[in-house]
N, C-alpha and C. Protein backbone atom coordinates (compact mmCIF):
# COMPACT_ATOMS: atom_id res chain seq x y z
N UNK A 1 20.71 -4.46 1.60
CA UNK A 1 20.96 -3.29 2.45
C UNK A 1 20.06 -3.34 3.68
N UNK A 2 20.60 -2.91 4.82
CA UNK A 2 19.82 -2.83 6.05
C UNK A 2 19.47 -1.37 6.31
N UNK A 3 18.17 -1.08 6.42
CA UNK A 3 17.70 0.30 6.55
C UNK A 3 17.52 0.66 8.02
N UNK A 4 18.35 1.59 8.48
CA UNK A 4 18.33 1.95 9.90
C UNK A 4 17.53 3.22 10.18
N UNK A 5 17.23 3.98 9.16
CA UNK A 5 16.55 5.27 9.36
C UNK A 5 15.25 5.34 8.56
N UNK A 6 14.69 4.17 8.26
CA UNK A 6 13.47 4.09 7.46
C UNK A 6 12.38 3.41 8.28
N UNK A 7 11.17 3.93 8.17
CA UNK A 7 10.02 3.42 8.93
C UNK A 7 8.94 2.98 7.95
N UNK A 8 8.58 1.73 8.02
CA UNK A 8 7.68 1.12 7.05
C UNK A 8 6.31 0.87 7.66
N UNK A 9 5.25 1.24 6.92
CA UNK A 9 3.90 0.87 7.31
C UNK A 9 3.29 0.02 6.20
N UNK A 10 2.94 -1.21 6.55
CA UNK A 10 2.28 -2.13 5.62
C UNK A 10 0.91 -2.45 6.19
N UNK A 11 0.13 -3.22 5.46
CA UNK A 11 -1.18 -3.60 5.95
C UNK A 11 -2.24 -3.53 4.87
N UNK A 12 -3.49 -3.37 5.26
CA UNK A 12 -4.60 -3.40 4.31
C UNK A 12 -5.01 -2.00 3.89
N UNK A 13 -5.82 -1.93 2.85
CA UNK A 13 -6.35 -0.65 2.39
C UNK A 13 -7.32 -0.07 3.42
N UNK A 14 -7.45 1.24 3.40
CA UNK A 14 -8.38 1.97 4.27
C UNK A 14 -8.03 1.86 5.75
N UNK A 15 -6.77 1.59 6.03
CA UNK A 15 -6.33 1.51 7.43
C UNK A 15 -5.66 2.79 7.89
N UNK A 16 -5.35 3.69 6.95
CA UNK A 16 -4.74 4.97 7.29
C UNK A 16 -3.24 5.04 7.06
N UNK A 17 -2.68 4.12 6.29
CA UNK A 17 -1.24 4.05 6.11
C UNK A 17 -0.65 5.33 5.51
N UNK A 18 -1.18 5.74 4.36
CA UNK A 18 -0.61 6.91 3.68
C UNK A 18 -0.78 8.18 4.50
N UNK A 19 -1.91 8.30 5.20
CA UNK A 19 -2.13 9.47 6.04
C UNK A 19 -1.07 9.56 7.12
N UNK A 20 -0.78 8.45 7.78
CA UNK A 20 0.21 8.44 8.85
C UNK A 20 1.61 8.71 8.32
N UNK A 21 1.94 8.13 7.20
CA UNK A 21 3.26 8.32 6.60
C UNK A 21 3.47 9.80 6.27
N UNK A 22 2.45 10.43 5.71
CA UNK A 22 2.54 11.84 5.35
C UNK A 22 2.71 12.72 6.59
N UNK A 23 1.92 12.46 7.62
CA UNK A 23 2.01 13.25 8.84
C UNK A 23 3.36 13.08 9.53
N UNK A 24 3.88 11.87 9.54
CA UNK A 24 5.19 11.63 10.16
C UNK A 24 6.30 12.35 9.41
N UNK A 25 6.25 12.28 8.09
CA UNK A 25 7.27 12.95 7.28
C UNK A 25 7.26 14.46 7.53
N UNK A 26 6.07 15.03 7.66
CA UNK A 26 5.95 16.46 7.93
C UNK A 26 6.47 16.80 9.32
N UNK A 27 6.12 16.01 10.30
CA UNK A 27 6.47 16.30 11.68
C UNK A 27 7.96 16.15 11.94
N UNK A 28 8.57 15.15 11.32
CA UNK A 28 9.98 14.86 11.59
C UNK A 28 10.91 15.31 10.47
N UNK A 29 10.39 16.20 9.60
CA UNK A 29 11.20 16.74 8.50
C UNK A 29 11.86 15.61 7.72
N UNK A 30 11.05 14.58 7.45
CA UNK A 30 11.56 13.41 6.77
C UNK A 30 11.10 13.32 5.33
N UNK A 31 11.34 12.19 4.73
CA UNK A 31 10.98 11.94 3.33
C UNK A 31 9.70 11.12 3.28
N UNK A 32 8.73 11.58 2.51
CA UNK A 32 7.43 10.94 2.39
C UNK A 32 7.40 10.04 1.16
N UNK A 33 7.18 8.75 1.39
CA UNK A 33 7.00 7.79 0.30
C UNK A 33 5.59 7.23 0.41
N UNK A 34 4.66 7.85 -0.30
CA UNK A 34 3.27 7.46 -0.19
C UNK A 34 2.93 6.28 -1.08
N UNK A 35 1.64 6.00 -1.16
CA UNK A 35 1.16 4.86 -1.94
C UNK A 35 1.64 4.95 -3.38
N UNK A 36 2.20 3.84 -3.89
CA UNK A 36 2.65 3.74 -5.27
C UNK A 36 3.76 4.73 -5.63
N UNK A 37 4.63 5.04 -4.67
CA UNK A 37 5.71 5.98 -4.96
C UNK A 37 6.69 5.44 -6.00
N UNK A 38 6.62 4.15 -6.24
CA UNK A 38 7.48 3.54 -7.26
C UNK A 38 7.05 3.92 -8.68
N UNK A 39 5.89 4.57 -8.83
CA UNK A 39 5.41 4.94 -10.16
C UNK A 39 6.37 5.87 -10.90
N UNK A 40 7.26 6.53 -10.17
CA UNK A 40 8.22 7.43 -10.82
C UNK A 40 9.13 6.66 -11.78
N UNK A 41 9.22 5.34 -11.61
CA UNK A 41 10.08 4.52 -12.46
C UNK A 41 9.31 3.79 -13.55
N UNK A 42 7.99 3.96 -13.57
CA UNK A 42 7.14 3.15 -14.43
C UNK A 42 7.43 3.30 -15.91
N UNK A 43 7.65 4.52 -16.36
CA UNK A 43 7.81 4.76 -17.80
C UNK A 43 9.04 4.06 -18.38
N UNK A 44 10.05 3.83 -17.56
CA UNK A 44 11.27 3.23 -18.08
C UNK A 44 11.39 1.73 -17.88
N UNK A 45 10.34 1.09 -17.41
CA UNK A 45 10.42 -0.34 -17.11
C UNK A 45 10.34 -1.20 -18.37
N UNK A 46 11.09 -2.28 -18.37
CA UNK A 46 11.04 -3.28 -19.43
C UNK A 46 9.84 -4.18 -19.17
N UNK A 47 8.94 -4.30 -20.15
CA UNK A 47 7.72 -5.08 -19.94
C UNK A 47 7.99 -6.57 -19.75
N UNK A 48 9.14 -7.03 -20.22
CA UNK A 48 9.49 -8.44 -20.02
C UNK A 48 9.98 -8.70 -18.60
N UNK A 49 10.65 -7.72 -18.01
CA UNK A 49 11.15 -7.86 -16.64
C UNK A 49 10.07 -7.52 -15.61
N UNK A 50 9.15 -6.61 -15.99
CA UNK A 50 8.10 -6.17 -15.07
C UNK A 50 6.73 -6.26 -15.76
N UNK A 51 6.29 -7.47 -16.09
CA UNK A 51 5.05 -7.62 -16.87
C UNK A 51 3.80 -7.15 -16.13
N UNK A 52 3.79 -7.25 -14.82
CA UNK A 52 2.59 -6.88 -14.07
C UNK A 52 2.48 -5.37 -13.90
N UNK A 53 3.59 -4.71 -13.59
CA UNK A 53 3.57 -3.26 -13.44
C UNK A 53 3.33 -2.55 -14.77
N UNK A 54 3.82 -3.12 -15.86
CA UNK A 54 3.65 -2.48 -17.17
C UNK A 54 2.32 -2.85 -17.83
N UNK A 55 1.56 -3.74 -17.19
CA UNK A 55 0.26 -4.13 -17.74
C UNK A 55 -0.64 -2.90 -17.93
N UNK A 56 -0.77 -2.09 -16.90
CA UNK A 56 -1.62 -0.90 -17.02
C UNK A 56 -0.96 0.19 -17.87
N UNK A 57 0.36 0.27 -17.82
CA UNK A 57 1.06 1.27 -18.63
C UNK A 57 0.80 1.06 -20.11
N UNK A 58 0.76 -0.20 -20.53
CA UNK A 58 0.65 -0.52 -21.95
C UNK A 58 -0.75 -0.95 -22.37
N UNK A 59 -1.71 -0.87 -21.47
CA UNK A 59 -3.07 -1.34 -21.75
C UNK A 59 -3.73 -0.47 -22.82
N UNK A 60 -4.29 -1.12 -23.85
CA UNK A 60 -4.93 -0.40 -24.94
C UNK A 60 -6.41 -0.13 -24.67
N UNK A 61 -7.08 -1.12 -24.11
CA UNK A 61 -8.50 -0.96 -23.79
C UNK A 61 -8.70 -1.19 -22.30
N UNK A 62 -8.97 -0.13 -21.55
CA UNK A 62 -9.07 -0.22 -20.10
C UNK A 62 -10.27 -1.04 -19.63
N UNK A 63 -11.21 -1.31 -20.52
CA UNK A 63 -12.31 -2.18 -20.12
C UNK A 63 -11.81 -3.59 -19.82
N UNK A 64 -10.69 -3.97 -20.45
CA UNK A 64 -10.11 -5.29 -20.16
C UNK A 64 -9.67 -5.39 -18.70
N UNK A 65 -9.33 -4.26 -18.11
CA UNK A 65 -8.88 -4.24 -16.71
C UNK A 65 -9.98 -4.73 -15.78
N UNK A 66 -11.22 -4.31 -16.00
CA UNK A 66 -12.31 -4.67 -15.11
C UNK A 66 -13.00 -5.97 -15.53
N UNK A 67 -12.64 -6.53 -16.66
CA UNK A 67 -13.27 -7.76 -17.14
C UNK A 67 -12.53 -9.01 -16.68
N UNK A 68 -11.41 -8.84 -16.03
CA UNK A 68 -10.63 -10.01 -15.59
C UNK A 68 -11.37 -10.80 -14.51
N UNK A 69 -11.10 -12.09 -14.46
CA UNK A 69 -11.69 -12.94 -13.43
C UNK A 69 -10.98 -12.70 -12.10
N UNK A 70 -11.60 -13.09 -10.98
CA UNK A 70 -10.93 -12.98 -9.68
C UNK A 70 -9.57 -13.69 -9.66
N UNK A 71 -9.47 -14.84 -10.33
CA UNK A 71 -8.19 -15.56 -10.37
C UNK A 71 -7.13 -14.74 -11.09
N UNK A 72 -7.51 -14.15 -12.23
CA UNK A 72 -6.57 -13.34 -13.00
C UNK A 72 -6.16 -12.09 -12.21
N UNK A 73 -7.13 -11.48 -11.56
CA UNK A 73 -6.86 -10.26 -10.80
C UNK A 73 -5.92 -10.55 -9.62
N UNK A 74 -6.19 -11.64 -8.91
CA UNK A 74 -5.35 -12.00 -7.77
C UNK A 74 -3.92 -12.30 -8.21
N UNK A 75 -3.77 -13.02 -9.31
CA UNK A 75 -2.43 -13.34 -9.83
C UNK A 75 -1.69 -12.07 -10.21
N UNK A 76 -2.40 -11.12 -10.81
CA UNK A 76 -1.78 -9.85 -11.20
C UNK A 76 -1.35 -9.05 -9.98
N UNK A 77 -2.20 -8.96 -8.97
CA UNK A 77 -1.87 -8.22 -7.76
C UNK A 77 -0.65 -8.82 -7.07
N UNK A 78 -0.58 -10.14 -7.03
CA UNK A 78 0.57 -10.81 -6.42
C UNK A 78 1.85 -10.47 -7.20
N UNK A 79 1.75 -10.45 -8.52
CA UNK A 79 2.91 -10.11 -9.34
C UNK A 79 3.32 -8.66 -9.16
N UNK A 80 2.34 -7.77 -9.08
CA UNK A 80 2.62 -6.35 -8.85
C UNK A 80 3.38 -6.16 -7.54
N UNK A 81 2.92 -6.86 -6.49
CA UNK A 81 3.57 -6.74 -5.19
C UNK A 81 5.04 -7.14 -5.26
N UNK A 82 5.34 -8.22 -5.93
CA UNK A 82 6.72 -8.70 -6.04
C UNK A 82 7.58 -7.74 -6.86
N UNK A 83 7.02 -7.21 -7.93
CA UNK A 83 7.76 -6.28 -8.77
C UNK A 83 7.96 -4.93 -8.07
N UNK A 84 6.93 -4.49 -7.33
CA UNK A 84 7.05 -3.24 -6.58
C UNK A 84 8.19 -3.31 -5.57
N UNK A 85 8.33 -4.47 -4.95
CA UNK A 85 9.37 -4.62 -3.93
C UNK A 85 10.75 -4.34 -4.51
N UNK A 86 10.99 -4.82 -5.71
CA UNK A 86 12.28 -4.60 -6.37
C UNK A 86 12.54 -3.11 -6.54
N UNK A 87 11.52 -2.40 -7.02
CA UNK A 87 11.68 -0.97 -7.26
C UNK A 87 11.79 -0.19 -5.96
N UNK A 88 10.97 -0.55 -4.98
CA UNK A 88 11.00 0.16 -3.69
C UNK A 88 12.37 0.09 -3.06
N UNK A 89 12.97 -1.07 -3.07
CA UNK A 89 14.28 -1.24 -2.44
C UNK A 89 15.33 -0.39 -3.15
N UNK A 90 15.23 -0.31 -4.48
CA UNK A 90 16.17 0.53 -5.23
C UNK A 90 15.99 2.00 -4.87
N UNK A 91 14.74 2.45 -4.82
CA UNK A 91 14.46 3.85 -4.50
C UNK A 91 14.90 4.18 -3.08
N UNK A 92 14.58 3.32 -2.14
CA UNK A 92 14.91 3.58 -0.74
C UNK A 92 16.42 3.60 -0.51
N UNK A 93 17.13 2.78 -1.23
CA UNK A 93 18.59 2.78 -1.10
C UNK A 93 19.16 4.14 -1.51
N UNK A 94 18.62 4.72 -2.57
CA UNK A 94 19.06 6.04 -3.01
C UNK A 94 18.65 7.12 -2.02
N UNK A 95 17.40 7.06 -1.57
CA UNK A 95 16.90 8.08 -0.65
C UNK A 95 17.64 8.07 0.69
N UNK A 96 18.08 6.89 1.12
CA UNK A 96 18.76 6.80 2.41
C UNK A 96 20.07 7.57 2.43
N UNK A 97 20.62 7.87 1.27
CA UNK A 97 21.86 8.62 1.19
C UNK A 97 21.69 10.07 1.64
N UNK A 98 20.44 10.53 1.70
CA UNK A 98 20.19 11.91 2.12
C UNK A 98 20.31 12.11 3.62
N UNK A 99 20.32 11.01 4.38
CA UNK A 99 20.51 11.10 5.82
C UNK A 99 19.27 11.49 6.59
N UNK A 100 18.14 11.59 5.93
CA UNK A 100 16.89 11.93 6.61
C UNK A 100 16.11 10.68 6.98
N UNK A 101 15.16 10.84 7.90
CA UNK A 101 14.23 9.76 8.18
C UNK A 101 13.30 9.59 6.97
N UNK A 102 13.00 8.34 6.66
CA UNK A 102 12.13 8.03 5.53
C UNK A 102 10.90 7.29 6.06
N UNK A 103 9.74 7.72 5.64
CA UNK A 103 8.48 7.11 6.08
C UNK A 103 7.76 6.56 4.86
N UNK A 104 7.47 5.26 4.91
CA UNK A 104 7.05 4.55 3.71
C UNK A 104 5.73 3.81 3.87
N UNK A 105 4.80 4.09 2.96
CA UNK A 105 3.62 3.24 2.78
C UNK A 105 4.06 2.16 1.80
N UNK A 106 4.29 0.95 2.31
CA UNK A 106 5.06 -0.01 1.55
C UNK A 106 4.28 -1.21 1.04
N UNK A 107 4.78 -1.74 -0.08
CA UNK A 107 4.32 -3.02 -0.62
C UNK A 107 5.31 -4.15 -0.32
N UNK A 108 6.39 -3.83 0.36
CA UNK A 108 7.42 -4.83 0.62
C UNK A 108 6.86 -5.93 1.52
N UNK A 109 7.12 -7.16 1.15
CA UNK A 109 6.55 -8.30 1.86
C UNK A 109 7.10 -8.44 3.27
N UNK A 110 6.27 -9.04 4.11
CA UNK A 110 6.61 -9.23 5.52
C UNK A 110 7.94 -9.94 5.68
N UNK A 111 8.13 -11.02 4.93
CA UNK A 111 9.36 -11.80 5.08
C UNK A 111 10.60 -10.99 4.71
N UNK A 112 10.46 -10.07 3.76
CA UNK A 112 11.57 -9.21 3.36
C UNK A 112 11.83 -8.15 4.42
N UNK A 113 10.76 -7.54 4.93
CA UNK A 113 10.91 -6.51 5.95
C UNK A 113 11.66 -7.02 7.17
N UNK A 114 11.46 -8.27 7.52
CA UNK A 114 12.14 -8.85 8.67
C UNK A 114 13.65 -8.93 8.46
N UNK A 115 14.08 -8.87 7.21
CA UNK A 115 15.50 -9.01 6.90
C UNK A 115 16.21 -7.66 6.71
N UNK A 116 15.42 -6.59 6.46
CA UNK A 116 16.07 -5.35 6.03
C UNK A 116 16.00 -4.21 7.04
N UNK A 117 15.30 -4.41 8.17
CA UNK A 117 15.22 -3.33 9.14
C UNK A 117 14.92 -3.88 10.52
N UNK A 118 14.91 -2.99 11.50
CA UNK A 118 14.61 -3.39 12.88
C UNK A 118 13.11 -3.72 13.01
N UNK A 119 12.80 -4.55 13.99
CA UNK A 119 11.41 -4.95 14.21
C UNK A 119 10.52 -3.75 14.50
N UNK A 120 11.04 -2.78 15.28
CA UNK A 120 10.21 -1.63 15.64
C UNK A 120 10.24 -0.51 14.60
N UNK A 121 10.77 -0.82 13.41
CA UNK A 121 10.70 0.11 12.30
C UNK A 121 9.64 -0.32 11.29
N UNK A 122 8.86 -1.32 11.67
CA UNK A 122 7.77 -1.80 10.82
C UNK A 122 6.48 -1.78 11.62
N UNK A 123 5.43 -1.26 11.03
CA UNK A 123 4.12 -1.22 11.66
C UNK A 123 3.09 -1.76 10.68
N UNK A 124 2.17 -2.55 11.18
CA UNK A 124 1.07 -3.06 10.38
C UNK A 124 -0.22 -2.33 10.77
N UNK A 125 -0.90 -1.75 9.78
CA UNK A 125 -2.17 -1.09 10.03
C UNK A 125 -3.26 -1.84 9.27
N UNK A 126 -4.34 -2.17 9.98
CA UNK A 126 -5.36 -3.04 9.41
C UNK A 126 -6.76 -2.46 9.52
N UNK A 127 -7.52 -2.60 8.44
CA UNK A 127 -8.97 -2.40 8.44
C UNK A 127 -9.60 -3.77 8.23
N UNK A 128 -10.83 -3.93 8.61
CA UNK A 128 -11.51 -5.21 8.44
C UNK A 128 -11.51 -5.61 6.97
N UNK A 129 -11.42 -6.92 6.68
CA UNK A 129 -11.29 -7.38 5.28
C UNK A 129 -12.36 -6.86 4.33
N UNK A 130 -13.58 -6.68 4.83
CA UNK A 130 -14.65 -6.25 3.91
C UNK A 130 -14.69 -4.74 3.70
N UNK A 131 -13.88 -4.00 4.45
CA UNK A 131 -13.92 -2.54 4.35
C UNK A 131 -13.49 -2.07 2.97
N UNK A 132 -12.41 -2.64 2.44
CA UNK A 132 -11.91 -2.22 1.13
C UNK A 132 -12.93 -2.51 0.03
N UNK A 133 -13.69 -3.57 0.20
CA UNK A 133 -14.68 -3.93 -0.81
C UNK A 133 -15.87 -2.97 -0.74
N UNK A 134 -16.37 -2.75 0.46
CA UNK A 134 -17.55 -1.91 0.63
C UNK A 134 -17.28 -0.44 0.34
N UNK A 135 -16.06 0.03 0.63
CA UNK A 135 -15.78 1.46 0.55
C UNK A 135 -14.87 1.84 -0.61
N UNK A 136 -14.63 0.91 -1.53
CA UNK A 136 -13.66 1.13 -2.60
C UNK A 136 -13.96 2.39 -3.40
N UNK A 137 -15.23 2.61 -3.71
CA UNK A 137 -15.58 3.74 -4.56
C UNK A 137 -15.98 4.99 -3.77
N UNK A 138 -15.81 4.96 -2.45
CA UNK A 138 -16.14 6.13 -1.64
C UNK A 138 -15.09 7.23 -1.77
N UNK A 139 -13.87 6.84 -2.05
CA UNK A 139 -12.82 7.84 -2.19
C UNK A 139 -12.98 8.59 -3.50
N UNK A 140 -12.78 9.90 -3.47
CA UNK A 140 -12.99 10.71 -4.68
C UNK A 140 -11.81 10.71 -5.64
N UNK A 141 -10.76 9.91 -5.36
CA UNK A 141 -9.57 10.01 -6.21
C UNK A 141 -9.90 9.55 -7.63
N UNK A 142 -9.17 10.09 -8.57
CA UNK A 142 -9.45 9.94 -10.00
C UNK A 142 -9.41 8.48 -10.46
N UNK A 143 -8.46 7.69 -9.95
CA UNK A 143 -8.31 6.32 -10.40
C UNK A 143 -9.55 5.48 -10.09
N UNK A 144 -10.05 5.60 -8.86
CA UNK A 144 -11.20 4.78 -8.47
C UNK A 144 -12.47 5.21 -9.20
N UNK A 145 -12.62 6.49 -9.43
CA UNK A 145 -13.79 6.96 -10.16
C UNK A 145 -13.70 6.58 -11.65
N UNK A 146 -12.49 6.50 -12.16
CA UNK A 146 -12.29 6.03 -13.54
C UNK A 146 -12.73 4.57 -13.66
N UNK A 147 -12.34 3.74 -12.70
CA UNK A 147 -12.76 2.34 -12.71
C UNK A 147 -14.27 2.21 -12.61
N UNK A 148 -14.88 3.04 -11.76
CA UNK A 148 -16.34 3.02 -11.61
C UNK A 148 -17.02 3.32 -12.95
N UNK A 149 -16.51 4.31 -13.67
CA UNK A 149 -17.09 4.65 -14.97
C UNK A 149 -16.94 3.50 -15.96
N UNK A 150 -15.80 2.82 -15.93
CA UNK A 150 -15.60 1.66 -16.81
C UNK A 150 -16.65 0.59 -16.53
N UNK A 151 -16.89 0.33 -15.26
CA UNK A 151 -17.88 -0.69 -14.89
C UNK A 151 -19.28 -0.29 -15.35
N UNK A 152 -19.61 0.99 -15.24
CA UNK A 152 -20.94 1.46 -15.63
C UNK A 152 -21.12 1.43 -17.16
N UNK A 153 -20.02 1.41 -17.90
CA UNK A 153 -20.09 1.37 -19.36
C UNK A 153 -20.22 -0.05 -19.91
N UNK A 154 -20.06 -1.06 -19.04
CA UNK A 154 -20.19 -2.44 -19.49
C UNK A 154 -21.63 -2.75 -19.89
N UNK A 155 -21.81 -3.78 -20.72
CA UNK A 155 -23.15 -4.14 -21.19
C UNK A 155 -24.08 -4.49 -20.03
N UNK A 156 -23.52 -5.12 -19.01
CA UNK A 156 -24.30 -5.45 -17.81
C UNK A 156 -23.54 -4.88 -16.61
N UNK A 157 -23.78 -3.61 -16.27
CA UNK A 157 -23.02 -2.96 -15.19
C UNK A 157 -23.12 -3.68 -13.86
N UNK A 158 -24.30 -4.22 -13.53
CA UNK A 158 -24.47 -4.93 -12.26
C UNK A 158 -23.59 -6.15 -12.19
N UNK A 159 -23.56 -6.92 -13.27
CA UNK A 159 -22.72 -8.12 -13.31
C UNK A 159 -21.24 -7.74 -13.28
N UNK A 160 -20.88 -6.67 -13.99
CA UNK A 160 -19.49 -6.22 -14.00
C UNK A 160 -19.06 -5.78 -12.62
N UNK A 161 -19.95 -5.07 -11.90
CA UNK A 161 -19.63 -4.63 -10.55
C UNK A 161 -19.48 -5.82 -9.61
N UNK A 162 -20.35 -6.80 -9.73
CA UNK A 162 -20.27 -8.00 -8.89
C UNK A 162 -18.94 -8.72 -9.12
N UNK A 163 -18.52 -8.82 -10.37
CA UNK A 163 -17.25 -9.49 -10.67
C UNK A 163 -16.08 -8.73 -10.08
N UNK A 164 -16.11 -7.38 -10.20
CA UNK A 164 -15.00 -6.59 -9.67
C UNK A 164 -14.95 -6.67 -8.15
N UNK A 165 -16.10 -6.70 -7.51
CA UNK A 165 -16.12 -6.84 -6.05
C UNK A 165 -15.56 -8.20 -5.62
N UNK A 166 -15.81 -9.22 -6.42
CA UNK A 166 -15.21 -10.52 -6.13
C UNK A 166 -13.70 -10.47 -6.25
N UNK A 167 -13.21 -9.69 -7.20
CA UNK A 167 -11.75 -9.49 -7.33
C UNK A 167 -11.20 -8.84 -6.07
N UNK A 168 -11.90 -7.80 -5.60
CA UNK A 168 -11.45 -7.09 -4.40
C UNK A 168 -11.52 -7.99 -3.17
N UNK A 169 -12.55 -8.82 -3.09
CA UNK A 169 -12.67 -9.74 -1.96
C UNK A 169 -11.52 -10.73 -1.94
N UNK A 170 -11.08 -11.14 -3.13
CA UNK A 170 -9.99 -12.12 -3.22
C UNK A 170 -8.69 -11.57 -2.64
N UNK A 171 -8.42 -10.28 -2.85
CA UNK A 171 -7.15 -9.72 -2.39
C UNK A 171 -7.27 -9.06 -1.02
N UNK A 172 -8.48 -9.04 -0.48
CA UNK A 172 -8.70 -8.52 0.88
C UNK A 172 -9.35 -9.61 1.73
N UNK A 173 -8.77 -10.77 1.68
CA UNK A 173 -9.35 -11.95 2.32
C UNK A 173 -9.03 -12.00 3.81
N UNK A 174 -9.82 -12.74 4.57
CA UNK A 174 -9.49 -12.97 5.98
C UNK A 174 -8.12 -13.60 6.16
N UNK A 175 -7.72 -14.44 5.20
CA UNK A 175 -6.40 -15.09 5.29
C UNK A 175 -5.28 -14.06 5.23
N UNK A 176 -5.42 -13.09 4.32
CA UNK A 176 -4.41 -12.03 4.23
C UNK A 176 -4.40 -11.19 5.50
N UNK A 177 -5.58 -10.87 5.99
CA UNK A 177 -5.71 -10.09 7.21
C UNK A 177 -5.00 -10.78 8.37
N UNK A 178 -5.23 -12.08 8.52
CA UNK A 178 -4.64 -12.83 9.63
C UNK A 178 -3.12 -12.96 9.47
N UNK A 179 -2.66 -13.04 8.22
CA UNK A 179 -1.21 -13.09 8.00
C UNK A 179 -0.54 -11.81 8.49
N UNK A 180 -1.15 -10.67 8.20
CA UNK A 180 -0.65 -9.40 8.71
C UNK A 180 -0.75 -9.35 10.24
N UNK A 181 -1.90 -9.77 10.76
CA UNK A 181 -2.15 -9.69 12.19
C UNK A 181 -1.13 -10.50 12.98
N UNK A 182 -0.71 -11.61 12.42
CA UNK A 182 0.21 -12.53 13.11
C UNK A 182 1.64 -12.43 12.57
N UNK A 183 1.99 -11.29 11.99
CA UNK A 183 3.30 -11.13 11.36
C UNK A 183 4.44 -11.03 12.36
N UNK A 184 4.13 -10.67 13.60
CA UNK A 184 5.18 -10.47 14.60
C UNK A 184 5.54 -9.00 14.78
N UNK A 185 5.00 -8.14 13.90
CA UNK A 185 5.23 -6.70 14.02
C UNK A 185 4.09 -6.05 14.83
N UNK A 186 4.34 -4.83 15.30
CA UNK A 186 3.28 -4.08 15.97
C UNK A 186 2.11 -3.85 15.01
N UNK A 187 0.90 -3.93 15.56
CA UNK A 187 -0.32 -3.80 14.75
C UNK A 187 -1.23 -2.73 15.34
N UNK A 188 -1.80 -1.89 14.46
CA UNK A 188 -2.83 -0.94 14.86
C UNK A 188 -4.07 -1.22 14.02
N UNK A 189 -5.20 -1.45 14.69
CA UNK A 189 -6.46 -1.73 14.01
C UNK A 189 -7.23 -0.44 13.79
N UNK A 190 -7.87 -0.32 12.65
CA UNK A 190 -8.67 0.88 12.35
C UNK A 190 -9.81 1.00 13.35
N UNK A 191 -9.99 2.21 13.86
CA UNK A 191 -11.07 2.49 14.80
C UNK A 191 -11.69 3.83 14.40
N UNK A 192 -12.93 3.79 13.92
CA UNK A 192 -13.58 5.00 13.43
C UNK A 192 -13.74 6.07 14.51
N UNK A 193 -13.75 5.65 15.78
CA UNK A 193 -13.95 6.60 16.88
C UNK A 193 -12.65 7.28 17.29
N UNK A 194 -11.52 6.79 16.81
CA UNK A 194 -10.22 7.35 17.19
C UNK A 194 -9.85 8.48 16.23
N UNK A 195 -9.38 9.59 16.77
CA UNK A 195 -9.00 10.72 15.94
C UNK A 195 -7.67 10.46 15.23
N UNK A 196 -7.40 11.26 14.22
CA UNK A 196 -6.13 11.14 13.50
C UNK A 196 -4.96 11.42 14.44
N UNK A 197 -5.10 12.42 15.30
CA UNK A 197 -4.03 12.75 16.25
C UNK A 197 -3.77 11.59 17.21
N UNK A 198 -4.83 10.95 17.66
CA UNK A 198 -4.67 9.80 18.56
C UNK A 198 -3.97 8.65 17.86
N UNK A 199 -4.35 8.43 16.60
CA UNK A 199 -3.69 7.38 15.83
C UNK A 199 -2.22 7.71 15.61
N UNK A 200 -1.94 8.97 15.31
CA UNK A 200 -0.55 9.38 15.11
C UNK A 200 0.29 9.12 16.36
N UNK A 201 -0.25 9.40 17.52
CA UNK A 201 0.46 9.14 18.77
C UNK A 201 0.76 7.65 18.92
N UNK A 202 -0.20 6.80 18.54
CA UNK A 202 0.00 5.36 18.62
C UNK A 202 1.10 4.91 17.66
N UNK A 203 1.10 5.50 16.48
CA UNK A 203 2.12 5.15 15.48
C UNK A 203 3.50 5.57 15.96
N UNK A 204 3.61 6.77 16.50
CA UNK A 204 4.89 7.26 17.02
C UNK A 204 5.40 6.35 18.13
N UNK A 205 4.51 5.94 18.99
CA UNK A 205 4.91 5.05 20.09
C UNK A 205 5.39 3.72 19.56
N UNK A 206 4.71 3.18 18.57
CA UNK A 206 5.12 1.90 17.99
C UNK A 206 6.50 1.99 17.35
N UNK A 207 6.81 3.15 16.76
CA UNK A 207 8.10 3.36 16.12
C UNK A 207 9.17 3.87 17.09
N UNK A 208 8.78 4.12 18.33
CA UNK A 208 9.75 4.65 19.30
C UNK A 208 10.15 6.07 18.99
N UNK A 209 9.26 6.85 18.40
CA UNK A 209 9.58 8.22 18.01
C UNK A 209 9.07 9.26 19.01
N UNK A 210 8.33 8.83 19.99
CA UNK A 210 7.66 9.76 20.89
C UNK A 210 8.60 10.74 21.56
N UNK A 211 9.80 10.27 21.89
CA UNK A 211 10.74 11.13 22.61
C UNK A 211 11.85 11.71 21.75
N UNK A 212 11.66 11.60 20.43
CA UNK A 212 12.68 12.10 19.51
C UNK A 212 12.62 13.62 19.44
N UNK A 213 13.77 14.26 19.44
CA UNK A 213 13.82 15.71 19.28
C UNK A 213 13.63 16.04 17.79
N UNK A 214 12.46 16.56 17.44
CA UNK A 214 12.14 16.76 16.04
C UNK A 214 12.91 17.92 15.43
N UNK A 215 13.61 18.66 16.23
CA UNK A 215 14.40 19.76 15.69
C UNK A 215 15.73 19.30 15.12
N UNK A 216 16.09 18.05 15.36
CA UNK A 216 17.37 17.56 14.87
C UNK A 216 17.31 17.25 13.39
């Protein structure tokens, strides 16, 4: 399916993707698809068809989650991304029937996005590769604080934290950053001095929404 009324934001963590998607959906009376919106389908997934997404659903001891090696963690994240894409496309196909604009914080891969929508309907937002590692536990959300507690419960919390940071470094590498940067889509780099409103204006311009009549 080719999505003509959907706007995708991909990129790295801590770049402001979900914030922008939420603000756009509110401003343009559209549909908000935030981070991990595919979770609505998680309970019904077949673990054989979606082994990576169901890994956390079926996990018996959550300490195993933080004990994985960087290689294991990277392989799992790559699998999650591929499985998420399948679910996202199914969800978006259904949502598009509503006739509203859809704004998506997406896991869909760059090569797929190039096939399913217009070039100016995709935006890449980037934070520096080390930002996600350094600031991972700064967010107060329940999931990240849960992981922090798991790490602190390990026999050697310092070693466990070092291992988990290596996992995060693996999936937030300079190579990944450069792949996004050179994707061919419009890119917005995180700037701490720029206000949310200024960033929103940049996003609207990239999507060609600046002159849209929001009352329609």
